C-alpha cells in the first residue's frame, strides 16, 4: 500500500520540539523523506496500522496535525516530480 504521511507539529516549546523529532524518526523508519514533513511509504496494511498508532501516541492532538494519504494502486501515474530532487523508487531494490 503506497501512502504519504504528512505532519505539522507545534514547536513552541521543548515538548513540541521533542515530538517533532520523534515523529520524524518514526517516519524515517518506514519511508523516504521527500520534503521536510512529508514521507512516501510503501507499507503492508499491518505496518500502516502500527505506524499510525505509534504516531498517534506521539502527537498532541490539540496542537499537532497528522495526515495519511492513501495513493491507491496506480500511484506511479499520480506523482509528478518537478525540480532538482530525485528520489529513489521505494518499491525497488536498494543496495547499500
C-alpha atoms as a PDB file:
ATOM      1  CA  UNK A   1       0.000   0.000   0.000  1.00  0.00           C
ATOM      2  CA  UNK A   2       1.521   3.326  -1.093  1.00  0.00           C
ATOM      3  CA  UNK A   3       0.862   6.229   1.267  1.00  0.00           C
ATOM      4  CA  UNK A   4       2.036   9.733   2.069  1.00  0.00           C
ATOM      5  CA  UNK A   5       2.442  10.756   5.679  1.00  0.00           C
ATOM      6  CA  UNK A   6       2.446  14.489   6.378  1.00  0.00           C
ATOM      7  CA  UNK A   7       2.609  16.282   9.687  1.00  0.00           C
ATOM      8  CA  UNK A   8       2.746  19.691  11.288  1.00  0.00           C
ATOM      9  CA  UNK A   9       3.957  19.667  14.873  1.00  0.00           C
ATOM     10  CA  UNK A  10       3.781  22.788  17.041  1.00  0.00           C
ATOM     11  CA  UNK A  11       7.328  23.546  18.209  1.00  0.00           C
ATOM     12  CA  UNK A  12       6.604  26.451  20.553  1.00  0.00           C
ATOM     13  CA  UNK A  13       8.219  24.651  23.473  1.00  0.00           C
ATOM     14  CA  UNK A  14      10.732  21.884  24.215  1.00  0.00           C
ATOM     15  CA  UNK A  15       7.993  19.245  24.332  1.00  0.00           C
ATOM     16  CA  UNK A  16       6.880  20.188  20.812  1.00  0.00           C
ATOM     17  CA  UNK A  17      10.451  20.082  19.536  1.00  0.00           C
ATOM     18  CA  UNK A  18      10.822  16.605  21.054  1.00  0.00           C
ATOM     19  CA  UNK A  19       7.549  15.446  19.446  1.00  0.00           C
ATOM     20  CA  UNK A  20       8.748  16.757  16.078  1.00  0.00           C
ATOM     21  CA  UNK A  21      11.972  14.718  16.335  1.00  0.00           C
ATOM     22  CA  UNK A  22      10.043  11.623  17.431  1.00  0.00           C
ATOM     23  CA  UNK A  23       7.526  11.891  14.574  1.00  0.00           C
ATOM     24  CA  UNK A  24      10.312  12.435  12.028  1.00  0.00           C
ATOM     25  CA  UNK A  25      12.291   9.470  13.373  1.00  0.00           C
ATOM     26  CA  UNK A  26       9.238   7.194  13.287  1.00  0.00           C
ATOM     27  CA  UNK A  27       8.500   8.201   9.686  1.00  0.00           C
ATOM     28  CA  UNK A  28      12.149   7.770   8.640  1.00  0.00           C
ATOM     29  CA  UNK A  29      11.928   4.173   9.855  1.00  0.00           C
ATOM     30  CA  UNK A  30       9.119   3.339   7.413  1.00  0.00           C
ATOM     31  CA  UNK A  31       9.565   5.636   4.438  1.00  0.00           C
ATOM     32  CA  UNK A  32      11.521   8.160   2.439  1.00  0.00           C
ATOM     33  CA  UNK A  33      11.513  11.851   3.324  1.00  0.00           C
ATOM     34  CA  UNK A  34      10.539  13.841   0.220  1.00  0.00           C
ATOM     35  CA  UNK A  35      10.068  17.209   1.945  1.00  0.00           C
ATOM     36  CA  UNK A  36      10.599  18.432   5.492  1.00  0.00           C
ATOM     37  CA  UNK A  37       7.364  16.981   6.869  1.00  0.00           C
ATOM     38  CA  UNK A  38       6.332  14.653   4.037  1.00  0.00           C
ATOM     39  CA  UNK A  39       7.217  10.971   3.721  1.00  0.00           C
ATOM     40  CA  UNK A  40       6.493   8.466   0.953  1.00  0.00           C
ATOM     41  CA  UNK A  41       5.947   4.954   2.282  1.00  0.00           C
ATOM     42  CA  UNK A  42       5.080   1.597   0.802  1.00  0.00           C
ATOM     43  CA  UNK A  43       3.697  -0.471   3.641  1.00  0.00           C
ATOM     44  CA  UNK A  44       1.657  -3.611   4.141  1.00  0.00           C
ATOM     45  CA  UNK A  45      -1.661  -2.897   5.905  1.00  0.00           C
ATOM     46  CA  UNK A  46      -0.460  -4.233   9.273  1.00  0.00           C
ATOM     47  CA  UNK A  47       2.589  -1.952   9.275  1.00  0.00           C
ATOM     48  CA  UNK A  48       0.394   1.017   8.356  1.00  0.00           C
ATOM     49  CA  UNK A  49      -1.750   0.310  11.421  1.00  0.00           C
ATOM     50  CA  UNK A  50       1.415   0.105  13.549  1.00  0.00           C
ATOM     51  CA  UNK A  51       2.910   3.402  12.347  1.00  0.00           C
ATOM     52  CA  UNK A  52      -0.455   5.157  12.628  1.00  0.00           C
ATOM     53  CA  UNK A  53      -0.841   4.021  16.237  1.00  0.00           C
ATOM     54  CA  UNK A  54       2.760   4.949  17.039  1.00  0.00           C
ATOM     55  CA  UNK A  55       2.335   8.454  15.599  1.00  0.00           C
ATOM     56  CA  UNK A  56      -0.965   8.963  17.440  1.00  0.00           C
ATOM     57  CA  UNK A  57       0.834   8.217  20.717  1.00  0.00           C
ATOM     58  CA  UNK A  58       3.486  10.841  19.927  1.00  0.00           C
ATOM     59  CA  UNK A  59       1.476  13.823  18.696  1.00  0.00           C
ATOM     60  CA  UNK A  60      -0.549  16.252  20.764  1.00  0.00           C
ATOM     61  CA  UNK A  61      -3.953  16.154  19.060  1.00  0.00           C
ATOM     62  CA  UNK A  62      -4.759  19.634  20.406  1.00  0.00           C
ATOM     63  CA  UNK A  63      -1.847  21.370  18.659  1.00  0.00           C
ATOM     64  CA  UNK A  64      -0.354  18.973  16.057  1.00  0.00           C
ATOM     65  CA  UNK A  65      -1.687  17.726  12.735  1.00  0.00           C
ATOM     66  CA  UNK A  66      -1.077  14.355  11.090  1.00  0.00           C
ATOM     67  CA  UNK A  67      -2.382  13.331   7.655  1.00  0.00           C
ATOM     68  CA  UNK A  68      -2.100   9.976   5.917  1.00  0.00           C
ATOM     69  CA  UNK A  69      -2.927   9.922   2.212  1.00  0.00           C
ATOM     70  CA  UNK A  70      -3.696   6.572   0.585  1.00  0.00           C
ATOM     71  CA  UNK A  71      -2.456   6.842  -3.009  1.00  0.00           C
ATOM     72  CA  UNK A  72      -4.063   3.678  -4.393  1.00  0.00           C
ATOM     73  CA  UNK A  73      -2.716   1.078  -6.787  1.00  0.00           C
ATOM     74  CA  UNK A  74      -1.944   3.434  -9.700  1.00  0.00           C
ATOM     75  CA  UNK A  75       0.275   5.717  -7.634  1.00  0.00           C
ATOM     76  CA  UNK A  76       3.165   5.753 -10.164  1.00  0.00           C
ATOM     77  CA  UNK A  77       0.943   7.736 -12.531  1.00  0.00           C
ATOM     78  CA  UNK A  78      -0.208  10.181  -9.847  1.00  0.00           C
ATOM     79  CA  UNK A  79       3.199  11.616  -8.953  1.00  0.00           C
ATOM     80  CA  UNK A  80       4.837  14.370 -10.955  1.00  0.00           C
ATOM     81  CA  UNK A  81       8.364  15.328  -9.871  1.00  0.00           C
ATOM     82  CA  UNK A  82       9.464  18.873 -10.720  1.00  0.00           C
ATOM     83  CA  UNK A  83      12.779  20.449  -9.793  1.00  0.00           C
ATOM     84  CA  UNK A  84      16.130  19.043  -8.814  1.00  0.00           C
ATOM     85  CA  UNK A  85      15.254  16.492  -6.148  1.00  0.00           C
ATOM     86  CA  UNK A  86      15.159  12.930  -7.406  1.00  0.00           C
ATOM     87  CA  UNK A  87      14.129  10.225  -5.009  1.00  0.00           C
ATOM     88  CA  UNK A  88      14.740   6.524  -5.199  1.00  0.00           C
ATOM     89  CA  UNK A  89      11.981   4.094  -6.144  1.00  0.00           C
ATOM     90  CA  UNK A  90      10.696   2.911  -2.771  1.00  0.00           C
ATOM     91  CA  UNK A  91       9.302  -0.259  -4.313  1.00  0.00           C
ATOM     92  CA  UNK A  92      12.606  -1.163  -5.988  1.00  0.00           C
ATOM     93  CA  UNK A  93      15.740  -2.813  -4.635  1.00  0.00           C
ATOM     94  CA  UNK A  94      18.131  -0.790  -2.522  1.00  0.00           C
ATOM     95  CA  UNK A  95      21.804  -1.765  -2.459  1.00  0.00           C
ATOM     96  CA  UNK A  96      23.813  -0.419   0.452  1.00  0.00           C
END
